[in-house]
Amino acid sequence: MADFIIAPPAPEDEADWRRNWAAYLTRYTVTVEALTTDIIWARLLDPTSSMRAFIARDADGRGIGFCHLVLHDNTWSLQPFCYLEDMFVAPDHRRRGVGRAMLNQIIDTARENRWARVYWTSWNNNAPARALYDSVTGGADQLVHYTVKLLA
């Protein structure tokens, strides 16, 4: 039996989410404006937003990880696509099935809501994450990811 649960965020998750969000940003050496962080949190709680999230909580209810999703229209289906934009598990809770449980929750939610696709990108040098992703998907597809950064 898992010693954690995966559930949508609630207002009482904010402090833990912010702590984990800061650790996630540090991991990728990214700086995000405080206002951006405030608005992201508000969007994650807003049922009308295209952003969704799940929070992983330990047995004591503390946030130990998160995943952020963006639902969007697409030209290949009338059903939305789901982009998994961010996923993080606190270092002292890794390799305990939390990441896999979050991925499974996303996929189950996508099936329940008839989303056409769930997709994400990963740093090519993130071997532990890619091993998990490969085990869930059967391996990366043939798409190559390109980025044009217009704003910091």
C-alpha atoms as a PDB file:
ATOM      1  CA  MET A   1       0.000   0.000   0.000  1.00  0.00           C
ATOM      2  CA  ALA A   2       1.351   3.429  -0.973  1.00  0.00           C
ATOM      3  CA  ASP A   3       2.256   5.888   1.748  1.00  0.00           C
ATOM      4  CA  PHE A   4       1.053   8.787  -0.402  1.00  0.00           C
ATOM      5  CA  ILE A   5      -2.007   9.950  -2.316  1.00  0.00           C
ATOM      6  CA  ILE A   6      -2.429  11.822  -5.592  1.00  0.00           C
ATOM      7  CA  ALA A   7      -5.225  14.406  -5.723  1.00  0.00           C
ATOM      8  CA  PRO A   8      -6.081  17.781  -7.230  1.00  0.00           C
ATOM      9  CA  PRO A   9      -4.626  20.740  -5.342  1.00  0.00           C
ATOM     10  CA  ALA A  10      -6.520  22.391  -2.514  1.00  0.00           C
ATOM     11  CA  PRO A  11      -5.913  25.814  -0.949  1.00  0.00           C
ATOM     12  CA  GLU A  12      -4.178  24.193   2.027  1.00  0.00           C
ATOM     13  CA  ASP A  13      -1.512  22.757  -0.329  1.00  0.00           C
ATOM     14  CA  GLU A  14      -0.145  26.189  -1.190  1.00  0.00           C
ATOM     15  CA  ALA A  15       2.882  26.330   1.150  1.00  0.00           C
ATOM     16  CA  ASP A  16       4.052  22.831   0.205  1.00  0.00           C
ATOM     17  CA  TRP A  17       3.423  23.496  -3.485  1.00  0.00           C
ATOM     18  CA  ARG A  18       5.459  26.712  -3.317  1.00  0.00           C
ATOM     19  CA  ARG A  19       8.322  24.897  -1.571  1.00  0.00           C
ATOM     20  CA  ASN A  20       8.325  22.147  -4.216  1.00  0.00           C
ATOM     21  CA  TRP A  21       7.872  24.650  -7.060  1.00  0.00           C
ATOM     22  CA  ALA A  22      10.944  26.570  -5.844  1.00  0.00           C
ATOM     23  CA  ALA A  23      12.966  23.323  -5.707  1.00  0.00           C
ATOM     24  CA  TYR A  24      11.780  22.406  -9.214  1.00  0.00           C
ATOM     25  CA  LEU A  25      12.788  25.794 -10.612  1.00  0.00           C
ATOM     26  CA  THR A  26      16.181  25.533  -8.902  1.00  0.00           C
ATOM     27  CA  ARG A  27      16.684  22.077 -10.440  1.00  0.00           C
ATOM     28  CA  TYR A  28      16.294  23.597 -13.909  1.00  0.00           C
ATOM     29  CA  THR A  29      18.067  26.885 -13.036  1.00  0.00           C
ATOM     30  CA  VAL A  30      14.972  28.882 -13.945  1.00  0.00           C
ATOM     31  CA  THR A  31      13.774  32.089 -12.343  1.00  0.00           C
ATOM     32  CA  VAL A  32      10.071  32.880 -12.385  1.00  0.00           C
ATOM     33  CA  GLU A  33       8.653  36.206 -11.237  1.00  0.00           C
ATOM     34  CA  ALA A  34       6.772  36.109  -7.930  1.00  0.00           C
ATOM     35  CA  LEU A  35       3.627  37.384  -9.661  1.00  0.00           C
ATOM     36  CA  THR A  36       3.847  34.538 -12.175  1.00  0.00           C
ATOM     37  CA  THR A  37       4.050  32.011  -9.336  1.00  0.00           C
ATOM     38  CA  ASP A  38       1.037  33.646  -7.651  1.00  0.00           C
ATOM     39  CA  ILE A  39      -1.004  33.503 -10.859  1.00  0.00           C
ATOM     40  CA  ILE A  40       0.004  29.909 -11.608  1.00  0.00           C
ATOM     41  CA  TRP A  41      -1.210  28.845  -8.157  1.00  0.00           C
ATOM     42  CA  ALA A  42      -4.502  30.686  -8.688  1.00  0.00           C
ATOM     43  CA  ARG A  43      -4.962  29.029 -12.091  1.00  0.00           C
ATOM     44  CA  LEU A  44      -4.317  25.572 -10.635  1.00  0.00           C
ATOM     45  CA  LEU A  45      -7.234  26.119  -8.247  1.00  0.00           C
ATOM     46  CA  ASP A  46      -9.533  27.689 -10.872  1.00  0.00           C
ATOM     47  CA  PRO A  47     -11.874  25.086 -12.399  1.00  0.00           C
ATOM     48  CA  THR A  48     -12.378  27.305 -15.487  1.00  0.00           C
ATOM     49  CA  SER A  49      -8.650  27.508 -16.255  1.00  0.00           C
ATOM     50  CA  SER A  50      -7.058  25.369 -18.964  1.00  0.00           C
ATOM     51  CA  MET A  51      -4.410  24.464 -16.387  1.00  0.00           C
ATOM     52  CA  ARG A  52      -4.852  21.465 -14.115  1.00  0.00           C
ATOM     53  CA  ALA A  53      -2.655  19.857 -11.491  1.00  0.00           C
ATOM     54  CA  PHE A  54      -2.226  16.970  -9.139  1.00  0.00           C
ATOM     55  CA  ILE A  55      -0.459  17.107  -5.810  1.00  0.00           C
ATOM     56  CA  ALA A  56       1.245  14.112  -4.248  1.00  0.00           C
ATOM     57  CA  ARG A  57       0.750  14.113  -0.470  1.00  0.00           C
ATOM     58  CA  ASP A  58       2.502  11.890   2.035  1.00  0.00           C
ATOM     59  CA  ALA A  59       0.671   9.985   4.775  1.00  0.00           C
ATOM     60  CA  ASP A  60       0.689  13.142   6.924  1.00  0.00           C
ATOM     61  CA  GLY A  61      -0.868  15.248   4.151  1.00  0.00           C
ATOM     62  CA  ARG A  62       2.317  17.148   3.247  1.00  0.00           C
ATOM     63  CA  GLY A  63       2.915  17.926  -0.419  1.00  0.00           C
ATOM     64  CA  ILE A  64       5.790  15.844  -1.747  1.00  0.00           C
ATOM     65  CA  GLY A  65       5.329  16.462  -5.450  1.00  0.00           C
ATOM     66  CA  PHE A  66       3.180  17.900  -8.191  1.00  0.00           C
ATOM     67  CA  CYS A  67       2.377  17.775 -11.857  1.00  0.00           C
ATOM     68  CA  HIS A  68       1.001  20.631 -13.962  1.00  0.00           C
ATOM     69  CA  LEU A  69      -1.146  20.015 -17.015  1.00  0.00           C
ATOM     70  CA  VAL A  70      -2.322  22.304 -19.811  1.00  0.00           C
ATOM     71  CA  LEU A  71      -5.398  21.284 -21.808  1.00  0.00           C
ATOM     72  CA  HIS A  72      -5.607  22.700 -25.305  1.00  0.00           C
ATOM     73  CA  ASP A  73      -7.503  22.434 -28.551  1.00  0.00           C
ATOM     74  CA  ASN A  74      -5.732  20.904 -31.505  1.00  0.00           C
ATOM     75  CA  THR A  75      -6.182  20.364 -35.209  1.00  0.00           C
ATOM     76  CA  TRP A  76      -6.129  16.547 -35.099  1.00  0.00           C
ATOM     77  CA  SER A  77      -9.083  15.839 -32.834  1.00  0.00           C
ATOM     78  CA  LEU A  78     -12.221  17.433 -31.451  1.00  0.00           C
ATOM     79  CA  GLN A  79     -11.119  16.225 -28.011  1.00  0.00           C
ATOM     80  CA  PRO A  80      -8.463  18.229 -26.159  1.00  0.00           C
ATOM     81  CA  PHE A  81      -4.819  17.302 -25.865  1.00  0.00           C
ATOM     82  CA  CYS A  82      -3.179  17.358 -22.439  1.00  0.00           C
ATOM     83  CA  TYR A  83       0.359  18.654 -22.152  1.00  0.00           C
ATOM     84  CA  LEU A  84       2.179  17.578 -18.995  1.00  0.00           C
ATOM     85  CA  GLU A  85       4.253  20.701 -18.511  1.00  0.00           C
ATOM     86  CA  ASP A  86       5.915  20.094 -15.151  1.00  0.00           C
ATOM     87  CA  MET A  87       6.366  17.127 -12.850  1.00  0.00           C
ATOM     88  CA  PHE A  88       8.383  17.067  -9.647  1.00  0.00           C
ATOM     89  CA  VAL A  89       8.879  14.724  -6.724  1.00  0.00           C
ATOM     90  CA  ALA A  90      10.816  15.926  -3.673  1.00  0.00           C
ATOM     91  CA  PRO A  91      14.235  14.229  -3.595  1.00  0.00           C
ATOM     92  CA  ASP A  92      13.614  12.342  -0.338  1.00  0.00           C
ATOM     93  CA  HIS A  93      10.455  10.770  -1.841  1.00  0.00           C
ATOM     94  CA  ARG A  94      11.863   9.641  -5.181  1.00  0.00           C
ATOM     95  CA  ARG A  95      12.002   6.007  -6.254  1.00  0.00           C
ATOM     96  CA  ARG A  96       8.896   5.194  -4.209  1.00  0.00           C
ATOM     97  CA  GLY A  97       6.372   5.164  -7.049  1.00  0.00           C
ATOM     98  CA  VAL A  98       5.179   8.763  -6.681  1.00  0.00           C
ATOM     99  CA  GLY A  99       6.076   9.797 -10.237  1.00  0.00           C
ATOM    100  CA  ARG A 100       4.509   6.658 -11.706  1.00  0.00           C
ATOM    101  CA  ALA A 101       1.371   7.220  -9.619  1.00  0.00           C
ATOM    102  CA  MET A 102       1.093  10.797 -10.908  1.00  0.00           C
ATOM    103  CA  LEU A 103       1.504   9.637 -14.511  1.00  0.00           C
ATOM    104  CA  ASN A 104      -1.123   6.939 -13.998  1.00  0.00           C
ATOM    105  CA  GLN A 105      -3.485   9.497 -12.435  1.00  0.00           C
ATOM    106  CA  ILE A 106      -3.031  11.781 -15.448  1.00  0.00           C
ATOM    107  CA  ILE A 107      -3.678   8.935 -17.890  1.00  0.00           C
ATOM    108  CA  ASP A 108      -6.732   7.725 -15.931  1.00  0.00           C
ATOM    109  CA  THR A 109      -8.099  11.287 -15.835  1.00  0.00           C
ATOM    110  CA  ALA A 110      -7.492  11.649 -19.573  1.00  0.00           C
ATOM    111  CA  ARG A 111      -9.430   8.454 -20.258  1.00  0.00           C
ATOM    112  CA  GLU A 112     -12.296   9.490 -17.967  1.00  0.00           C
ATOM    113  CA  ASN A 113     -12.542  12.891 -19.676  1.00  0.00           C
ATOM    114  CA  ARG A 114     -11.945  11.577 -23.206  1.00  0.00           C
ATOM    115  CA  TRP A 115      -8.849  13.699 -23.811  1.00  0.00           C
ATOM    116  CA  ALA A 116      -7.315  12.609 -27.105  1.00  0.00           C
ATOM    117  CA  ARG A 117      -3.675  12.631 -26.036  1.00  0.00           C
ATOM    118  CA  VAL A 118      -1.323  13.146 -23.100  1.00  0.00           C
ATOM    119  CA  TYR A 119       2.184  14.195 -24.037  1.00  0.00           C
ATOM    120  CA  TRP A 120       5.284  15.755 -22.516  1.00  0.00           C
ATOM    121  CA  THR A 121       8.941  16.503 -23.106  1.00  0.00           C
ATOM    122  CA  SER A 122      11.974  15.604 -21.035  1.00  0.00           C
ATOM    123  CA  TRP A 123      15.557  16.704 -20.879  1.00  0.00           C
ATOM    124  CA  ASN A 124      17.527  14.135 -22.853  1.00  0.00           C
ATOM    125  CA  ASN A 125      20.036  13.809 -19.971  1.00  0.00           C
ATOM    126  CA  ASN A 126      17.397  13.073 -17.302  1.00  0.00           C
ATOM    127  CA  ALA A 127      17.956   9.315 -17.295  1.00  0.00           C
ATOM    128  CA  PRO A 128      15.870   8.448 -14.190  1.00  0.00           C
ATOM    129  CA  ALA A 129      12.802  10.324 -15.477  1.00  0.00           C
ATOM    130  CA  ARG A 130      13.211   8.957 -18.986  1.00  0.00           C
ATOM    131  CA  ALA A 131      13.409   5.391 -17.657  1.00  0.00           C
ATOM    132  CA  LEU A 132      10.078   5.953 -15.899  1.00  0.00           C
ATOM    133  CA  TYR A 133       8.540   7.545 -18.994  1.00  0.00           C
ATOM    134  CA  ASP A 134       9.767   4.725 -21.227  1.00  0.00           C
ATOM    135  CA  SER A 135       8.243   2.152 -18.881  1.00  0.00           C
ATOM    136  CA  VAL A 136       4.868   3.924 -19.021  1.00  0.00           C
ATOM    137  CA  THR A 137       4.788   4.731 -22.751  1.00  0.00           C
ATOM    138  CA  GLY A 138       6.940   2.041 -24.317  1.00  0.00           C
ATOM    139  CA  GLY A 139       9.500   4.652 -25.370  1.00  0.00           C
ATOM    140  CA  ALA A 140       9.778   8.111 -26.837  1.00  0.00           C
ATOM    141  CA  ASP A 141       8.121   8.852 -30.158  1.00  0.00           C
ATOM    142  CA  GLN A 142       9.921  10.200 -33.215  1.00  0.00           C
ATOM    143  CA  LEU A 143       9.063  13.857 -32.681  1.00  0.00           C
ATOM    144  CA  VAL A 144      11.853  16.365 -32.156  1.00  0.00           C
ATOM    145  CA  HIS A 145      11.161  19.342 -29.908  1.00  0.00           C
ATOM    146  CA  TYR A 146      12.133  22.869 -31.037  1.00  0.00           C
ATOM    147  CA  THR A 147      11.865  26.077 -29.029  1.00  0.00           C
ATOM    148  CA  VAL A 148      12.023  29.753 -29.915  1.00  0.00           C
ATOM    149  CA  LYS A 149      12.286  31.699 -26.652  1.00  0.00           C
ATOM    150  CA  LEU A 150      10.698  35.123 -27.035  1.00  0.00           C
ATOM    151  CA  LEU A 151      10.420  36.188 -23.397  1.00  0.00           C
ATOM    152  CA  ALA A 152      12.512  35.222 -20.390  1.00  0.00           C
END
